[in-house]
Amino acid sequence: NYMGFPTGISGADLVWRGEIQAMK
């Protein structure tokens, strides 16, 4: 139920995306 991921996403993958963004 997180917007933008109609097939779902694991919590670890979601936050990992953010971590990479932040490090960038």
PDB file of all heavy atoms in Angstrom:
ATOM      1  N   ASN A   1       0.806  -1.219   0.000  1.00  0.00           N
ATOM      2  CA  ASN A   1       0.000   0.000   0.000  1.00  0.00           C
ATOM      3  C   ASN A   1       0.842   1.273   0.000  1.00  0.00           C
ATOM      4  O   ASN A   1       0.373   2.336   0.385  1.00  0.00           O
ATOM      5  CB  ASN A   1      -0.955   0.012   1.197  1.00  0.00           C
ATOM      6  CG  ASN A   1      -0.233  -0.122   2.533  1.00  0.00           C
ATOM      7  OD1 ASN A   1       0.982  -0.261   2.574  1.00  0.00           O
ATOM      8  ND2 ASN A   1      -0.983  -0.092   3.622  1.00  0.00           N
ATOM      9  N   TYR A   2       2.113   1.152  -0.431  1.00  0.00           N
ATOM     10  CA  TYR A   2       2.961   2.336  -0.568  1.00  0.00           C
ATOM     11  C   TYR A   2       2.850   2.835  -2.008  1.00  0.00           C
ATOM     12  O   TYR A   2       3.087   2.076  -2.950  1.00  0.00           O
ATOM     13  CB  TYR A   2       4.422   2.005  -0.228  1.00  0.00           C
ATOM     14  CG  TYR A   2       5.283   3.237  -0.067  1.00  0.00           C
ATOM     15  CD1 TYR A   2       5.387   3.862   1.175  1.00  0.00           C
ATOM     16  CD2 TYR A   2       5.961   3.783  -1.142  1.00  0.00           C
ATOM     17  CE1 TYR A   2       6.167   4.994   1.327  1.00  0.00           C
ATOM     18  CE2 TYR A   2       6.740   4.910  -0.999  1.00  0.00           C
ATOM     19  CZ  TYR A   2       6.839   5.518   0.235  1.00  0.00           C
ATOM     20  OH  TYR A   2       7.599   6.642   0.383  1.00  0.00           O
ATOM     21  N   MET A   3       2.497   4.104  -2.166  1.00  0.00           N
ATOM     22  CA  MET A   3       2.221   4.644  -3.484  1.00  0.00           C
ATOM     23  C   MET A   3       3.425   4.500  -4.423  1.00  0.00           C
ATOM     24  O   MET A   3       4.559   4.747  -4.039  1.00  0.00           O
ATOM     25  CB  MET A   3       1.857   6.131  -3.386  1.00  0.00           C
ATOM     26  CG  MET A   3       1.337   6.713  -4.691  1.00  0.00           C
ATOM     27  SD  MET A   3       1.017   8.479  -4.570  1.00  0.00           S
ATOM     28  CE  MET A   3       2.675   9.137  -4.553  1.00  0.00           C
ATOM     29  N   GLY A   4       3.130   4.068  -5.643  1.00  0.00           N
ATOM     30  CA  GLY A   4       4.163   3.966  -6.659  1.00  0.00           C
ATOM     31  C   GLY A   4       4.689   2.565  -6.888  1.00  0.00           C
ATOM     32  O   GLY A   4       5.463   2.342  -7.817  1.00  0.00           O
ATOM     33  N   PHE A   5       4.254   1.608  -6.047  1.00  0.00           N
ATOM     34  CA  PHE A   5       4.725   0.230  -6.190  1.00  0.00           C
ATOM     35  C   PHE A   5       3.512  -0.701  -6.223  1.00  0.00           C
ATOM     36  O   PHE A   5       3.184  -1.356  -5.227  1.00  0.00           O
ATOM     37  CB  PHE A   5       5.665  -0.143  -5.043  1.00  0.00           C
ATOM     38  CG  PHE A   5       6.912   0.696  -5.011  1.00  0.00           C
ATOM     39  CD1 PHE A   5       6.987   1.819  -4.203  1.00  0.00           C
ATOM     40  CD2 PHE A   5       7.990   0.374  -5.808  1.00  0.00           C
ATOM     41  CE1 PHE A   5       8.131   2.604  -4.185  1.00  0.00           C
ATOM     42  CE2 PHE A   5       9.145   1.152  -5.789  1.00  0.00           C
ATOM     43  CZ  PHE A   5       9.207   2.268  -4.988  1.00  0.00           C
ATOM     44  N   PRO A   6       2.837  -0.744  -7.364  1.00  0.00           N
ATOM     45  CA  PRO A   6       1.590  -1.526  -7.445  1.00  0.00           C
ATOM     46  C   PRO A   6       1.765  -3.015  -7.220  1.00  0.00           C
ATOM     47  O   PRO A   6       0.823  -3.687  -6.817  1.00  0.00           O
ATOM     48  CB  PRO A   6       1.086  -1.236  -8.867  1.00  0.00           C
ATOM     49  CG  PRO A   6       2.303  -0.813  -9.630  1.00  0.00           C
ATOM     50  CD  PRO A   6       3.146  -0.079  -8.645  1.00  0.00           C
ATOM     51  N   THR A   7       2.952  -3.541  -7.475  1.00  0.00           N
ATOM     52  CA  THR A   7       3.180  -4.968  -7.233  1.00  0.00           C
ATOM     53  C   THR A   7       3.840  -5.218  -5.885  1.00  0.00           C
ATOM     54  O   THR A   7       4.203  -6.341  -5.569  1.00  0.00           O
ATOM     55  CB  THR A   7       4.059  -5.572  -8.346  1.00  0.00           C
ATOM     56  OG1 THR A   7       5.318  -4.895  -8.385  1.00  0.00           O
ATOM     57  CG2 THR A   7       3.373  -5.458  -9.698  1.00  0.00           C
ATOM     58  N   GLY A   8       3.993  -4.170  -5.099  1.00  0.00           N
ATOM     59  CA  GLY A   8       4.580  -4.311  -3.777  1.00  0.00           C
ATOM     60  C   GLY A   8       6.092  -4.185  -3.789  1.00  0.00           C
ATOM     61  O   GLY A   8       6.743  -4.291  -4.831  1.00  0.00           O
ATOM     62  N   ILE A   9       6.646  -3.940  -2.622  1.00  0.00           N
ATOM     63  CA  ILE A   9       8.091  -3.832  -2.461  1.00  0.00           C
ATOM     64  C   ILE A   9       8.425  -4.213  -1.031  1.00  0.00           C
ATOM     65  O   ILE A   9       7.648  -3.954  -0.111  1.00  0.00           O
ATOM     66  CB  ILE A   9       8.590  -2.399  -2.773  1.00  0.00           C
ATOM     67  CG1 ILE A   9      10.120  -2.327  -2.717  1.00  0.00           C
ATOM     68  CG2 ILE A   9       7.967  -1.374  -1.822  1.00  0.00           C
ATOM     69  CD1 ILE A   9      10.697  -1.011  -3.220  1.00  0.00           C
ATOM     70  N   SER A  10       9.534  -4.858  -0.834  1.00  0.00           N
ATOM     71  CA  SER A  10       9.933  -5.190   0.532  1.00  0.00           C
ATOM     72  C   SER A  10      10.367  -3.920   1.245  1.00  0.00           C
ATOM     73  O   SER A  10      10.866  -2.971   0.625  1.00  0.00           O
ATOM     74  CB  SER A  10      11.068  -6.209   0.537  1.00  0.00           C
ATOM     75  OG  SER A  10      12.287  -5.615   0.133  1.00  0.00           O
ATOM     76  N   GLY A  11      10.181  -3.896   2.556  1.00  0.00           N
ATOM     77  CA  GLY A  11      10.598  -2.729   3.320  1.00  0.00           C
ATOM     78  C   GLY A  11      12.086  -2.477   3.205  1.00  0.00           C
ATOM     79  O   GLY A  11      12.534  -1.333   3.130  1.00  0.00           O
ATOM     80  N   ALA A  12      12.875  -3.563   3.167  1.00  0.00           N
ATOM     81  CA  ALA A  12      14.328  -3.412   3.060  1.00  0.00           C
ATOM     82  C   ALA A  12      14.715  -2.772   1.734  1.00  0.00           C
ATOM     83  O   ALA A  12      15.586  -1.897   1.686  1.00  0.00           O
ATOM     84  CB  ALA A  12      15.004  -4.773   3.211  1.00  0.00           C
ATOM     85  N   ASP A  13      14.073  -3.183   0.636  1.00  0.00           N
ATOM     86  CA  ASP A  13      14.392  -2.602  -0.665  1.00  0.00           C
ATOM     87  C   ASP A  13      13.970  -1.142  -0.740  1.00  0.00           C
ATOM     88  O   ASP A  13      14.675  -0.303  -1.316  1.00  0.00           O
ATOM     89  CB  ASP A  13      13.697  -3.386  -1.785  1.00  0.00           C
ATOM     90  CG  ASP A  13      14.661  -4.294  -2.542  1.00  0.00           C
ATOM     91  OD1 ASP A  13      15.854  -3.949  -2.599  1.00  0.00           O
ATOM     92  OD2 ASP A  13      14.234  -5.325  -3.060  1.00  0.00           O
ATOM     93  N   LEU A  14      12.813  -0.838  -0.174  1.00  0.00           N
ATOM     94  CA  LEU A  14      12.323   0.545  -0.199  1.00  0.00           C
ATOM     95  C   LEU A  14      13.309   1.480   0.507  1.00  0.00           C
ATOM     96  O   LEU A  14      13.683   2.529  -0.031  1.00  0.00           O
ATOM     97  CB  LEU A  14      10.950   0.622   0.467  1.00  0.00           C
ATOM     98  CG  LEU A  14      10.334   2.021   0.544  1.00  0.00           C
ATOM     99  CD1 LEU A  14      10.029   2.553  -0.846  1.00  0.00           C
ATOM    100  CD2 LEU A  14       9.063   2.015   1.399  1.00  0.00           C
ATOM    101  N   VAL A  15      13.728   1.094   1.701  1.00  0.00           N
ATOM    102  CA  VAL A  15      14.630   1.961   2.464  1.00  0.00           C
ATOM    103  C   VAL A  15      16.024   1.949   1.850  1.00  0.00           C
ATOM    104  O   VAL A  15      16.735   2.957   1.892  1.00  0.00           O
ATOM    105  CB  VAL A  15      14.652   1.543   3.940  1.00  0.00           C
ATOM    106  CG1 VAL A  15      15.576   2.461   4.737  1.00  0.00           C
ATOM    107  CG2 VAL A  15      13.247   1.597   4.537  1.00  0.00           C
ATOM    108  N   TRP A  16      16.428   0.820   1.244  1.00  0.00           N
ATOM    109  CA  TRP A  16      17.735   0.774   0.583  1.00  0.00           C
ATOM    110  C   TRP A  16      17.795   1.774  -0.562  1.00  0.00           C
ATOM    111  O   TRP A  16      18.830   2.434  -0.770  1.00  0.00           O
ATOM    112  CB  TRP A  16      18.011  -0.642   0.078  1.00  0.00           C
ATOM    113  CG  TRP A  16      19.421  -0.836  -0.427  1.00  0.00           C
ATOM    114  CD1 TRP A  16      20.572  -0.423   0.175  1.00  0.00           C
ATOM    115  CD2 TRP A  16      19.808  -1.493  -1.638  1.00  0.00           C
ATOM    116  NE1 TRP A  16      21.658  -0.795  -0.585  1.00  0.00           N
ATOM    117  CE2 TRP A  16      21.220  -1.448  -1.694  1.00  0.00           C
ATOM    118  CE3 TRP A  16      19.106  -2.123  -2.654  1.00  0.00           C
ATOM    119  CZ2 TRP A  16      21.932  -2.009  -2.753  1.00  0.00           C
ATOM    120  CZ3 TRP A  16      19.830  -2.686  -3.701  1.00  0.00           C
ATOM    121  CH2 TRP A  16      21.220  -2.619  -3.739  1.00  0.00           C
ATOM    122  N   ARG A  17      16.711   1.907  -1.302  1.00  0.00           N
ATOM    123  CA  ARG A  17      16.669   2.926  -2.356  1.00  0.00           C
ATOM    124  C   ARG A  17      16.937   4.306  -1.759  1.00  0.00           C
ATOM    125  O   ARG A  17      17.712   5.104  -2.301  1.00  0.00           O
ATOM    126  CB  ARG A  17      15.296   2.928  -3.027  1.00  0.00           C
ATOM    127  CG  ARG A  17      14.997   1.736  -3.918  1.00  0.00           C
ATOM    128  CD  ARG A  17      13.546   1.757  -4.362  1.00  0.00           C
ATOM    129  NE  ARG A  17      13.214   0.620  -5.212  1.00  0.00           N
ATOM    130  CZ  ARG A  17      13.065   0.676  -6.528  1.00  0.00           C
ATOM    131  NH1 ARG A  17      13.224   1.825  -7.149  1.00  0.00           N
ATOM    132  NH2 ARG A  17      12.749  -0.399  -7.221  1.00  0.00           N
ATOM    133  N   GLY A  18      16.281   4.585  -0.633  1.00  0.00           N
ATOM    134  CA  GLY A  18      16.481   5.874   0.016  1.00  0.00           C
ATOM    135  C   GLY A  18      17.896   6.059   0.519  1.00  0.00           C
ATOM    136  O   GLY A  18      18.469   7.150   0.429  1.00  0.00           O
ATOM    137  N   GLU A  19      18.474   4.991   1.049  1.00  0.00           N
ATOM    138  CA  GLU A  19      19.849   5.067   1.539  1.00  0.00           C
ATOM    139  C   GLU A  19      20.812   5.416   0.408  1.00  0.00           C
ATOM    140  O   GLU A  19      21.705   6.270   0.568  1.00  0.00           O
ATOM    141  CB  GLU A  19      20.242   3.734   2.181  1.00  0.00           C
ATOM    142  CG  GLU A  19      21.638   3.726   2.766  1.00  0.00           C
ATOM    143  CD  GLU A  19      22.044   2.362   3.295  1.00  0.00           C
ATOM    144  OE1 GLU A  19      21.245   1.412   3.181  1.00  0.00           O
ATOM    145  OE2 GLU A  19      23.179   2.247   3.797  1.00  0.00           O
ATOM    146  N   ILE A  20      20.641   4.776  -0.736  1.00  0.00           N
ATOM    147  CA  ILE A  20      21.499   5.075  -1.885  1.00  0.00           C
ATOM    148  C   ILE A  20      21.303   6.518  -2.326  1.00  0.00           C
ATOM    149  O   ILE A  20      22.278   7.226  -2.634  1.00  0.00           O
ATOM    150  CB  ILE A  20      21.191   4.104  -3.038  1.00  0.00           C
ATOM    151  CG1 ILE A  20      21.611   2.682  -2.654  1.00  0.00           C
ATOM    152  CG2 ILE A  20      21.917   4.525  -4.316  1.00  0.00           C
ATOM    153  CD1 ILE A  20      21.182   1.628  -3.642  1.00  0.00           C
ATOM    154  N   GLN A  21      20.047   6.968  -2.351  1.00  0.00           N
ATOM    155  CA  GLN A  21      19.771   8.362  -2.706  1.00  0.00           C
ATOM    156  C   GLN A  21      20.488   9.316  -1.773  1.00  0.00           C
ATOM    157  O   GLN A  21      21.112  10.291  -2.197  1.00  0.00           O
ATOM    158  CB  GLN A  21      18.267   8.621  -2.619  1.00  0.00           C
ATOM    159  CG  GLN A  21      17.541   8.659  -3.938  1.00  0.00           C
ATOM    160  CD  GLN A  21      16.077   8.961  -3.707  1.00  0.00           C
ATOM    161  OE1 GLN A  21      15.397   8.289  -2.948  1.00  0.00           O
ATOM    162  NE2 GLN A  21      15.594   9.984  -4.370  1.00  0.00           N
ATOM    163  N   ALA A  22      20.382   9.046  -0.477  1.00  0.00           N
ATOM    164  CA  ALA A  22      20.995   9.929   0.508  1.00  0.00           C
ATOM    165  C   ALA A  22      22.513   9.962   0.364  1.00  0.00           C
ATOM    166  O   ALA A  22      23.145  11.025   0.439  1.00  0.00           O
ATOM    167  CB  ALA A  22      20.596   9.493   1.920  1.00  0.00           C
ATOM    168  N   MET A  23      23.125   8.789   0.151  1.00  0.00           N
ATOM    169  CA  MET A  23      24.578   8.732  -0.021  1.00  0.00           C
ATOM    170  C   MET A  23      25.000   9.479  -1.277  1.00  0.00           C
ATOM    171  O   MET A  23      26.071  10.105  -1.314  1.00  0.00           O
ATOM    172  CB  MET A  23      25.045   7.287  -0.056  1.00  0.00           C
ATOM    173  CG  MET A  23      24.953   6.587   1.288  1.00  0.00           C
ATOM    174  SD  MET A  23      25.807   4.977   1.346  1.00  0.00           S
ATOM    175  CE  MET A  23      24.812   4.009   0.210  1.00  0.00           C
ATOM    176  N   LYS A  24      24.169   9.429  -2.318  1.00  0.00           N
ATOM    177  CA  LYS A  24      24.486  10.166  -3.547  1.00  0.00           C
ATOM    178  C   LYS A  24      24.611  11.654  -3.265  1.00  0.00           C
ATOM    179  O   LYS A  24      25.444  12.348  -3.857  1.00  0.00           O
ATOM    180  CB  LYS A  24      23.388   9.914  -4.588  1.00  0.00           C
ATOM    181  CG  LYS A  24      23.635  10.635  -5.907  1.00  0.00           C
ATOM    182  CD  LYS A  24      22.489  10.439  -6.878  1.00  0.00           C
ATOM    183  CE  LYS A  24      21.308  11.325  -6.527  1.00  0.00           C
ATOM    184  NZ  LYS A  24      20.282  11.339  -7.592  1.00  0.00           N
TER     185      LYS A  24
END
